[in-house]
């Protein structure tokens, strides 16, 4: 009876330890969540509206921010992805966002951006290099400037959405190896 009690307690402690370890941050960006973030952004609105062609601004995509080299290439690229998510969150914060967008998908998108940013916060402190951050800053400053200049109009937000879709698609296509994929689909 005593051996069974000790075995039961030992199994319980082991299970509690496994649950605790499973819930600890991995210091990795989850690829499946980033992919879902992309899909929510894509699906919250339709195709680029024809009436917005006059506001169609093309910004130079900051691909160089993700093209790192050296011994810590993967970590630096992961840091650039993390910074991109932080800047997306900042861009959408306290702004008058289009009511024409699917509000549930917008809310889910913003929650995922926040979650990804929080779960990968340790990434930004684990790399000393700062190679791509100025390039990313310039890109997102440009997007912010467009939003401010156009008084947060629906069309300018469609331009921003299109640019962010391209950014997320670039990351998923070219840097998926820097993401954690628990079960790749």
Foldseek 3Di string as FASTA:
>chain_A
DVVVVVVVVVVVVVVVVVVVVVPAQPLFQALVLLVLLLVLLDQQDDPQDPVLPVVQDDDPDLVVQLDDDDDCSLLSNRLSVLVLLVLVLVLPPPADADPSTNVVSVVVSNVSSVVSNVSNVVSNVVDDDDVNVVVSVVRSVVLSVSCVVVVNDNSSVSNVSVSVSVVSVCCVVPPVVSGDYPDDD
